Every structure is written in C-alpha cells, then in structure tokens.
Amino acid sequence: MRLFFAAILIFMFGEIKAQTYEVGLFAGGANNIGDVGRTNFILPSGPAFGGLFKWNKSKRYAWRGSIIYGEFTADDAKSDIPSRQKRNLIMDNSVLEVSAGLEFNFVEYNLHQLGPAFTPYLYTGFTYFRFGYHYFDAAQLQDVGQKDGSFSIPMTVGAKLRLNQFLIVGAEIGARYTFTDNLDASNPEGSNYEEFRFGNIFSDDWYVFSGITLTYTFGRKPCQDCFQ
C-alpha cells in the first residue's frame, strides 16, 4: 500500500502546464469482501454505475472526482470455505460513494497531439459512502430501515485509450478499504446489537468496483509548447 501512494505522490508537485477536462460515465459490477460469502477479490455480484470528472493538469496526472452506485450480494453457499457453506447466510446491500483524488499515468499521456494515446494508471484519494444498515437474526437478514455512512480509501488500477479527439475509453478495477465492519451485516454497532455480531470483528470490510469508463474531453487547447 505504501508503494501505491508513493508512486502517485512523486508527480504531485511536478510542472503544471496544459489543462484539459473530461466528463463521462462508469459502468460495471460490484462485489464485497468480508465475513459473509465469497472471498474472491474480483467477482461482481451486482451492477455498478456512475459518473466521473477529470482535470488533467499534466501528462502525468489528473485530479479526479466521481459518484458511483453499486449493489452486491454475499452468499455463503457460494463460498469455498466449508464453515461458511454450513452457516448458509445471504446478504444484499448497496453503496453510494463520492470520491475525489489523484489519477497518476504510468507513461506520458498527451491529449493534444494527433494519433492515439494510451497509458495504464493508478488512482487513489478519499471516499465517503452510504450503505444499508443490516444485521442477522436467526440466520435472517434484518433491515433496520436506515443508512449508515463511513469513509474508505480507493486503490484503483486501470488503463485508458483515446479513441479520437474527444472520446477516451478505459477499464479499471478499484478496491475500497473501508472503515466499517458492518458492510456485510456481521458487526452492527450499538449495545443493542452485541448478540448479533460474528466473524472477525477486528478486520474491516472491502468493496470493489470493476468496469469500463467512457469520457468526453473538452477545454481550450494549450499553447504549442505545452505538454512538452
């Protein structure tokens, strides 16, 4: 994790020249990693979609913001852990996140030259998300009827390709390390819910968005020697 952040921060204070904006869509799938269901890192169990905005400050990095909604299902019967299969719990939940941070390009990515432009990239920042507050009672998922909120740290890897002067397509996988252990309804907070807690209460949950992006670029083209 330290290397992930270090690689991005190296270019945060580099020379800033041209500025180009992007706005677009994200579409894909979502899955969780917790105390219920499978433990696969990438295995979407529900849809995810949203919008994103980028402010390209140089060929190496861009400021990025996004709003993404995702749904997922955790099913013990589909886990490869025998104890979970025997327990046989099923949990459905959803998340709505707002994220802002820095996208770092592995190679120089010039949107103002003719021809294709391609680069792998990393993204991280700060995320706040809302999710359904649930707990299990007698193996049945109970919905309290309210939302809870928490923060997470996004760790995203992807690649993007400029299709033409205005359109860019990308693919990415983004894991979110959360600061809650009740995304899977295994650790409800409050003294009234202590009897409903189970699993590893000292390990917080994760959720993952994986999918494709399509963005439209706009903004005034910089002077001739910018992005050089």
C-alpha atoms as a PDB file:
ATOM      1  CA  MET A   1       0.000   0.000   0.000  1.00  0.00           C
ATOM      2  CA  ARG A   2       2.877   2.382   0.739  1.00  0.00           C
ATOM      3  CA  LEU A   3       4.329   1.869  -2.737  1.00  0.00           C
ATOM      4  CA  PHE A   4       0.901   2.565  -4.230  1.00  0.00           C
ATOM      5  CA  PHE A   5       0.714   6.009  -2.646  1.00  0.00           C
ATOM      6  CA  ALA A   6       4.407   6.793  -3.121  1.00  0.00           C
ATOM      7  CA  ALA A   7       4.231   6.213  -6.878  1.00  0.00           C
ATOM      8  CA  ILE A   8       1.419   8.739  -7.150  1.00  0.00           C
ATOM      9  CA  LEU A   9       2.816  11.433  -4.856  1.00  0.00           C
ATOM     10  CA  ILE A  10       6.089  11.635  -6.804  1.00  0.00           C
ATOM     11  CA  PHE A  11       4.386  13.660  -9.542  1.00  0.00           C
ATOM     12  CA  MET A  12       2.011  15.768  -7.450  1.00  0.00           C
ATOM     13  CA  PHE A  13       4.402  18.716  -7.383  1.00  0.00           C
ATOM     14  CA  GLY A  14       5.675  18.432 -10.938  1.00  0.00           C
ATOM     15  CA  GLU A  15       5.442  21.192 -13.526  1.00  0.00           C
ATOM     16  CA  ILE A  16       1.871  22.172 -14.381  1.00  0.00           C
ATOM     17  CA  LYS A  17       1.117  23.369 -17.898  1.00  0.00           C
ATOM     18  CA  ALA A  18      -1.824  22.360 -20.074  1.00  0.00           C
ATOM     19  CA  GLN A  19      -5.289  21.768 -18.696  1.00  0.00           C
ATOM     20  CA  THR A  20      -7.940  19.569 -20.301  1.00  0.00           C
ATOM     21  CA  TYR A  21     -11.172  18.385 -18.757  1.00  0.00           C
ATOM     22  CA  GLU A  22     -13.028  15.095 -19.072  1.00  0.00           C
ATOM     23  CA  VAL A  23     -16.567  14.151 -18.092  1.00  0.00           C
ATOM     24  CA  GLY A  24     -18.083  10.725 -18.552  1.00  0.00           C
ATOM     25  CA  LEU A  25     -19.640   7.519 -17.282  1.00  0.00           C
ATOM     26  CA  PHE A  26     -18.604   4.404 -15.393  1.00  0.00           C
ATOM     27  CA  ALA A  27     -20.415   1.065 -15.815  1.00  0.00           C
ATOM     28  CA  GLY A  28     -19.549  -2.357 -14.454  1.00  0.00           C
ATOM     29  CA  GLY A  29     -20.066  -4.526 -11.393  1.00  0.00           C
ATOM     30  CA  ALA A  30     -19.592  -4.549  -7.632  1.00  0.00           C
ATOM     31  CA  ASN A  31     -18.642  -7.118  -5.017  1.00  0.00           C
ATOM     32  CA  ASN A  32     -17.745  -7.094  -1.337  1.00  0.00           C
ATOM     33  CA  ILE A  33     -15.040  -8.852   0.672  1.00  0.00           C
ATOM     34  CA  GLY A  34     -15.986  -9.571   4.267  1.00  0.00           C
ATOM     35  CA  ASP A  35     -17.232 -12.184   6.720  1.00  0.00           C
ATOM     36  CA  VAL A  36     -20.136 -13.385   4.568  1.00  0.00           C
ATOM     37  CA  GLY A  37     -19.989 -15.029   1.163  1.00  0.00           C
ATOM     38  CA  ARG A  38     -17.050 -15.465  -1.161  1.00  0.00           C
ATOM     39  CA  THR A  39     -13.609 -14.039  -0.556  1.00  0.00           C
ATOM     40  CA  ASN A  40     -12.712 -13.500  -4.227  1.00  0.00           C
ATOM     41  CA  PHE A  41     -11.092 -10.146  -4.837  1.00  0.00           C
ATOM     42  CA  ILE A  42     -12.777  -9.589  -8.205  1.00  0.00           C
ATOM     43  CA  LEU A  43     -16.124 -11.313  -8.724  1.00  0.00           C
ATOM     44  CA  PRO A  44     -19.004  -8.866  -9.303  1.00  0.00           C
ATOM     45  CA  SER A  45     -22.341  -9.958  -7.864  1.00  0.00           C
ATOM     46  CA  GLY A  46     -24.330  -6.859  -8.805  1.00  0.00           C
ATOM     47  CA  PRO A  47     -24.303  -3.821 -11.093  1.00  0.00           C
ATOM     48  CA  ALA A  48     -22.390  -0.591 -10.591  1.00  0.00           C
ATOM     49  CA  PHE A  49     -22.683   2.696 -12.476  1.00  0.00           C
ATOM     50  CA  GLY A  50     -21.926   6.360 -12.064  1.00  0.00           C
ATOM     51  CA  GLY A  51     -20.267   9.480 -13.406  1.00  0.00           C
ATOM     52  CA  LEU A  52     -16.781  10.953 -13.216  1.00  0.00           C
ATOM     53  CA  PHE A  53     -14.899  14.162 -13.910  1.00  0.00           C
ATOM     54  CA  LYS A  54     -11.179  14.659 -14.542  1.00  0.00           C
ATOM     55  CA  TRP A  55      -8.986  17.739 -14.633  1.00  0.00           C
ATOM     56  CA  ASN A  56      -5.786  16.827 -16.463  1.00  0.00           C
ATOM     57  CA  LYS A  57      -3.060  19.024 -15.001  1.00  0.00           C
ATOM     58  CA  SER A  58      -0.150  17.479 -16.913  1.00  0.00           C
ATOM     59  CA  LYS A  59       0.800  14.450 -18.983  1.00  0.00           C
ATOM     60  CA  ARG A  60       1.426  12.555 -15.746  1.00  0.00           C
ATOM     61  CA  TYR A  61      -1.550  13.188 -13.507  1.00  0.00           C
ATOM     62  CA  ALA A  62      -5.116  14.439 -13.246  1.00  0.00           C
ATOM     63  CA  TRP A  63      -7.397  15.439 -10.406  1.00  0.00           C
ATOM     64  CA  ARG A  64     -10.464  13.231 -10.429  1.00  0.00           C
ATOM     65  CA  GLY A  65     -13.903  13.147  -8.826  1.00  0.00           C
ATOM     66  CA  SER A  66     -16.665  10.562  -9.136  1.00  0.00           C
ATOM     67  CA  ILE A  67     -20.057   9.442  -7.868  1.00  0.00           C
ATOM     68  CA  ILE A  68     -20.730   5.699  -8.174  1.00  0.00           C
ATOM     69  CA  TYR A  69     -23.601   3.474  -7.022  1.00  0.00           C
ATOM     70  CA  GLY A  70     -23.251  -0.288  -6.707  1.00  0.00           C
ATOM     71  CA  GLU A  71     -25.189  -3.320  -5.476  1.00  0.00           C
ATOM     72  CA  PHE A  72     -23.813  -6.674  -4.354  1.00  0.00           C
ATOM     73  CA  THR A  73     -24.857  -9.994  -2.834  1.00  0.00           C
ATOM     74  CA  ALA A  74     -22.837 -12.142  -0.430  1.00  0.00           C
ATOM     75  CA  ASP A  75     -23.917 -15.805  -0.363  1.00  0.00           C
ATOM     76  CA  ASP A  76     -22.243 -18.300   1.986  1.00  0.00           C
ATOM     77  CA  ALA A  77     -23.429 -21.191  -0.189  1.00  0.00           C
ATOM     78  CA  LYS A  78     -21.137 -19.962  -2.990  1.00  0.00           C
ATOM     79  CA  SER A  79     -18.074 -19.662  -0.740  1.00  0.00           C
ATOM     80  CA  ASP A  80     -15.211 -22.173  -0.864  1.00  0.00           C
ATOM     81  CA  ILE A  81     -14.935 -22.068   2.958  1.00  0.00           C
ATOM     82  CA  PRO A  82     -16.766 -25.089   4.494  1.00  0.00           C
ATOM     83  CA  SER A  83     -17.775 -23.260   7.678  1.00  0.00           C
ATOM     84  CA  ARG A  84     -19.469 -20.525   5.644  1.00  0.00           C
ATOM     85  CA  GLN A  85     -21.226 -23.073   3.454  1.00  0.00           C
ATOM     86  CA  LYS A  86     -22.632 -24.714   6.565  1.00  0.00           C
ATOM     87  CA  ARG A  87     -23.711 -21.364   8.031  1.00  0.00           C
ATOM     88  CA  ASN A  88     -25.558 -20.523   4.759  1.00  0.00           C
ATOM     89  CA  LEU A  89     -26.197 -16.787   5.200  1.00  0.00           C
ATOM     90  CA  ILE A  90     -27.216 -14.485   2.353  1.00  0.00           C
ATOM     91  CA  MET A  91     -26.740 -10.724   2.434  1.00  0.00           C
ATOM     92  CA  ASP A  92     -27.711  -7.982  -0.041  1.00  0.00           C
ATOM     93  CA  ASN A  93     -26.506  -4.413   0.242  1.00  0.00           C
ATOM     94  CA  SER A  94     -25.710  -1.331  -1.804  1.00  0.00           C
ATOM     95  CA  VAL A  95     -23.249   1.557  -1.617  1.00  0.00           C
ATOM     96  CA  LEU A  96     -23.340   5.103  -2.939  1.00  0.00           C
ATOM     97  CA  GLU A  97     -19.932   6.762  -2.882  1.00  0.00           C
ATOM     98  CA  VAL A  98     -18.460  10.167  -3.564  1.00  0.00           C
ATOM     99  CA  SER A  99     -14.716  10.126  -4.240  1.00  0.00           C
ATOM    100  CA  ALA A 100     -12.017  12.700  -5.012  1.00  0.00           C
ATOM    101  CA  GLY A 101      -8.304  12.238  -5.530  1.00  0.00           C
ATOM    102  CA  LEU A 102      -5.381  11.907  -7.910  1.00  0.00           C
ATOM    103  CA  GLU A 103      -5.016   9.784 -11.043  1.00  0.00           C
ATOM    104  CA  PHE A 104      -1.395   9.032 -11.973  1.00  0.00           C
ATOM    105  CA  ASN A 105      -0.384   7.971 -15.504  1.00  0.00           C
ATOM    106  CA  PHE A 106       2.442   5.443 -15.885  1.00  0.00           C
ATOM    107  CA  VAL A 107       3.551   6.960 -19.205  1.00  0.00           C
ATOM    108  CA  GLU A 108       3.229  10.452 -20.636  1.00  0.00           C
ATOM    109  CA  TYR A 109      -0.349  10.918 -21.782  1.00  0.00           C
ATOM    110  CA  ASN A 110      -0.712  13.824 -24.198  1.00  0.00           C
ATOM    111  CA  LEU A 111      -4.280  14.631 -25.210  1.00  0.00           C
ATOM    112  CA  HIS A 112      -3.199  17.463 -27.523  1.00  0.00           C
ATOM    113  CA  GLN A 113      -1.214  15.511 -30.083  1.00  0.00           C
ATOM    114  CA  LEU A 114      -2.594  13.751 -33.131  1.00  0.00           C
ATOM    115  CA  GLY A 115      -2.891   9.980 -33.017  1.00  0.00           C
ATOM    116  CA  PRO A 116      -3.799   7.536 -30.251  1.00  0.00           C
ATOM    117  CA  ALA A 117      -2.757   7.954 -26.633  1.00  0.00           C
ATOM    118  CA  PHE A 118      -2.625   5.023 -24.207  1.00  0.00           C
ATOM    119  CA  THR A 119      -1.465   4.585 -20.630  1.00  0.00           C
ATOM    120  CA  PRO A 120      -2.026   2.413 -17.561  1.00  0.00           C
ATOM    121  CA  TYR A 121      -2.882   4.438 -14.465  1.00  0.00           C
ATOM    122  CA  LEU A 122      -3.383   4.393 -10.699  1.00  0.00           C
ATOM    123  CA  TYR A 123      -5.999   6.292  -8.724  1.00  0.00           C
ATOM    124  CA  THR A 124      -6.362   6.980  -5.022  1.00  0.00           C
ATOM    125  CA  GLY A 125      -7.853   9.644  -2.798  1.00  0.00           C
ATOM    126  CA  PHE A 126     -10.612   9.915  -0.225  1.00  0.00           C
ATOM    127  CA  THR A 127     -14.093   8.409  -0.424  1.00  0.00           C
ATOM    128  CA  TYR A 128     -17.267   8.796   1.614  1.00  0.00           C
ATOM    129  CA  PHE A 129     -20.040   6.256   1.082  1.00  0.00           C
ATOM    130  CA  ARG A 130     -23.501   5.355   2.360  1.00  0.00           C
ATOM    131  CA  PHE A 131     -24.735   1.783   2.791  1.00  0.00           C
ATOM    132  CA  GLY A 132     -27.670  -0.106   4.224  1.00  0.00           C
ATOM    133  CA  TYR A 133     -27.585  -0.855   7.962  1.00  0.00           C
ATOM    134  CA  HIS A 134     -28.386  -4.562   8.453  1.00  0.00           C
ATOM    135  CA  TYR A 135     -27.868  -7.394  10.926  1.00  0.00           C
ATOM    136  CA  PHE A 136     -28.593 -11.134  11.078  1.00  0.00           C
ATOM    137  CA  ASP A 137     -31.138 -12.573  13.497  1.00  0.00           C
ATOM    138  CA  ALA A 138     -31.753 -16.354  13.429  1.00  0.00           C
ATOM    139  CA  ALA A 139     -29.918 -16.540  10.085  1.00  0.00           C
ATOM    140  CA  GLN A 140     -32.304 -13.990   8.558  1.00  0.00           C
ATOM    141  CA  LEU A 141     -31.108 -10.615   7.278  1.00  0.00           C
ATOM    142  CA  GLN A 142     -32.817  -7.787   9.144  1.00  0.00           C
ATOM    143  CA  ASP A 143     -33.106  -4.334   7.599  1.00  0.00           C
ATOM    144  CA  VAL A 144     -33.136  -1.553  10.170  1.00  0.00           C
ATOM    145  CA  GLY A 145     -34.566   0.766   7.543  1.00  0.00           C
ATOM    146  CA  GLN A 146     -31.796   3.318   7.678  1.00  0.00           C
ATOM    147  CA  LYS A 147     -28.485   4.149   6.044  1.00  0.00           C
ATOM    148  CA  ASP A 148     -25.075   4.314   7.642  1.00  0.00           C
ATOM    149  CA  GLY A 149     -22.032   6.195   6.389  1.00  0.00           C
ATOM    150  CA  SER A 150     -18.294   5.662   6.502  1.00  0.00           C
ATOM    151  CA  PHE A 151     -15.041   6.543   4.755  1.00  0.00           C
ATOM    152  CA  SER A 152     -12.860   4.367   2.551  1.00  0.00           C
ATOM    153  CA  ILE A 153      -9.537   4.546   0.726  1.00  0.00           C
ATOM    154  CA  PRO A 154      -9.779   3.729  -3.006  1.00  0.00           C
ATOM    155  CA  MET A 155      -6.928   1.808  -4.655  1.00  0.00           C
ATOM    156  CA  THR A 156      -7.623   1.625  -8.382  1.00  0.00           C
ATOM    157  CA  VAL A 157      -5.614   0.287 -11.319  1.00  0.00           C
ATOM    158  CA  GLY A 158      -6.683   0.758 -14.913  1.00  0.00           C
ATOM    159  CA  ALA A 159      -5.789   1.610 -18.489  1.00  0.00           C
ATOM    160  CA  LYS A 160      -7.207   4.179 -20.891  1.00  0.00           C
ATOM    161  CA  LEU A 161      -7.094   4.745 -24.640  1.00  0.00           C
ATOM    162  CA  ARG A 162      -8.038   7.852 -26.592  1.00  0.00           C
ATOM    163  CA  LEU A 163     -10.337   6.808 -29.428  1.00  0.00           C
ATOM    164  CA  ASN A 164     -10.382  10.177 -31.174  1.00  0.00           C
ATOM    165  CA  GLN A 165     -10.061  13.879 -30.427  1.00  0.00           C
ATOM    166  CA  PHE A 166     -12.960  13.825 -27.961  1.00  0.00           C
ATOM    167  CA  LEU A 167     -13.549  10.286 -26.631  1.00  0.00           C
ATOM    168  CA  ILE A 168     -11.488   8.185 -24.225  1.00  0.00           C
ATOM    169  CA  VAL A 169     -12.336   4.613 -23.190  1.00  0.00           C
ATOM    170  CA  GLY A 170     -10.870   2.919 -20.135  1.00  0.00           C
ATOM    171  CA  ALA A 171     -11.091  -0.185 -17.971  1.00  0.00           C
ATOM    172  CA  GLU A 172     -10.373  -0.269 -14.244  1.00  0.00           C
ATOM    173  CA  ILE A 173     -10.562  -2.294 -11.053  1.00  0.00           C
ATOM    174  CA  GLY A 174     -10.900  -0.343  -7.829  1.00  0.00           C
ATOM    175  CA  ALA A 175     -10.773  -1.838  -4.342  1.00  0.00           C
ATOM    176  CA  ARG A 176     -12.041   0.264  -1.439  1.00  0.00           C
ATOM    177  CA  TYR A 177     -10.693  -0.381   2.035  1.00  0.00           C
ATOM    178  CA  THR A 178     -13.462   0.775   4.346  1.00  0.00           C
ATOM    179  CA  PHE A 179     -13.514   1.904   7.960  1.00  0.00           C
ATOM    180  CA  THR A 180     -16.537  -0.200   8.852  1.00  0.00           C
ATOM    181  CA  ASP A 181     -17.004  -3.895   9.601  1.00  0.00           C
ATOM    182  CA  ASN A 182     -20.751  -3.922   9.021  1.00  0.00           C
ATOM    183  CA  LEU A 183     -20.938  -3.663   5.249  1.00  0.00           C
ATOM    184  CA  ASP A 184     -21.818  -7.392   5.338  1.00  0.00           C
ATOM    185  CA  ALA A 185     -24.127  -7.116   8.396  1.00  0.00           C
ATOM    186  CA  SER A 186     -21.660  -9.035  10.599  1.00  0.00           C
ATOM    187  CA  ASN A 187     -20.830  -6.327  13.128  1.00  0.00           C
ATOM    188  CA  PRO A 188     -23.744  -3.947  13.813  1.00  0.00           C
ATOM    189  CA  GLU A 189     -22.803  -1.067  16.094  1.00  0.00           C
ATOM    190  CA  GLY A 190     -24.614  -0.274  19.318  1.00  0.00           C
ATOM    191  CA  SER A 191     -25.127  -2.086  22.613  1.00  0.00           C
ATOM    192  CA  ASN A 192     -28.499  -3.414  21.464  1.00  0.00           C
ATOM    193  CA  TYR A 193     -26.831  -5.456  18.700  1.00  0.00           C
ATOM    194  CA  GLU A 194     -23.907  -7.116  20.512  1.00  0.00           C
ATOM    195  CA  GLU A 195     -25.533 -10.558  20.375  1.00  0.00           C
ATOM    196  CA  PHE A 196     -25.762 -10.363  16.571  1.00  0.00           C
ATOM    197  CA  ARG A 197     -22.036  -9.872  15.930  1.00  0.00           C
ATOM    198  CA  PHE A 198     -19.916 -12.616  14.409  1.00  0.00           C
ATOM    199  CA  GLY A 199     -16.820 -13.190  12.306  1.00  0.00           C
ATOM    200  CA  ASN A 200     -13.561 -11.275  12.605  1.00  0.00           C
ATOM    201  CA  ILE A 201     -14.651  -8.036  14.270  1.00  0.00           C
ATOM    202  CA  PHE A 202     -11.085  -6.685  14.098  1.00  0.00           C
ATOM    203  CA  SER A 203     -10.932  -6.689  10.298  1.00  0.00           C
ATOM    204  CA  ASP A 204     -12.848  -4.074   8.307  1.00  0.00           C
ATOM    205  CA  ASP A 205     -14.686  -4.837   5.081  1.00  0.00           C
ATOM    206  CA  TRP A 206     -13.788  -4.083   1.459  1.00  0.00           C
ATOM    207  CA  TYR A 207     -15.839  -3.471  -1.639  1.00  0.00           C
ATOM    208  CA  VAL A 208     -14.688  -3.490  -5.264  1.00  0.00           C
ATOM    209  CA  PHE A 209     -15.918  -1.716  -8.392  1.00  0.00           C
ATOM    210  CA  SER A 210     -14.703  -3.092 -11.727  1.00  0.00           C
ATOM    211  CA  GLY A 211     -15.821  -1.882 -15.132  1.00  0.00           C
ATOM    212  CA  ILE A 212     -15.304   0.458 -18.045  1.00  0.00           C
ATOM    213  CA  THR A 213     -15.276   4.238 -18.416  1.00  0.00           C
ATOM    214  CA  LEU A 214     -16.117   6.461 -21.350  1.00  0.00           C
ATOM    215  CA  THR A 215     -15.258  10.145 -21.119  1.00  0.00           C
ATOM    216  CA  TYR A 216     -15.606  13.185 -23.337  1.00  0.00           C
ATOM    217  CA  THR A 217     -12.733  15.693 -23.387  1.00  0.00           C
ATOM    218  CA  PHE A 218     -13.161  19.452 -23.599  1.00  0.00           C
ATOM    219  CA  GLY A 219     -11.302  22.638 -22.742  1.00  0.00           C
ATOM    220  CA  ARG A 220      -9.109  25.075 -24.604  1.00  0.00           C
ATOM    221  CA  LYS A 221      -6.102  23.577 -26.357  1.00  0.00           C
ATOM    222  CA  PRO A 222      -2.873  24.816 -24.746  1.00  0.00           C
ATOM    223  CA  CYS A 223      -0.042  26.697 -26.444  1.00  0.00           C
ATOM    224  CA  GLN A 224       2.225  24.778 -28.838  1.00  0.00           C
ATOM    225  CA  ASP A 225       4.965  24.023 -26.353  1.00  0.00           C
ATOM    226  CA  CYS A 226       2.678  22.895 -23.546  1.00  0.00           C
ATOM    227  CA  PHE A 227       2.775  19.186 -22.667  1.00  0.00           C
ATOM    228  CA  GLN A 228       6.339  19.087 -23.999  1.00  0.00           C
END
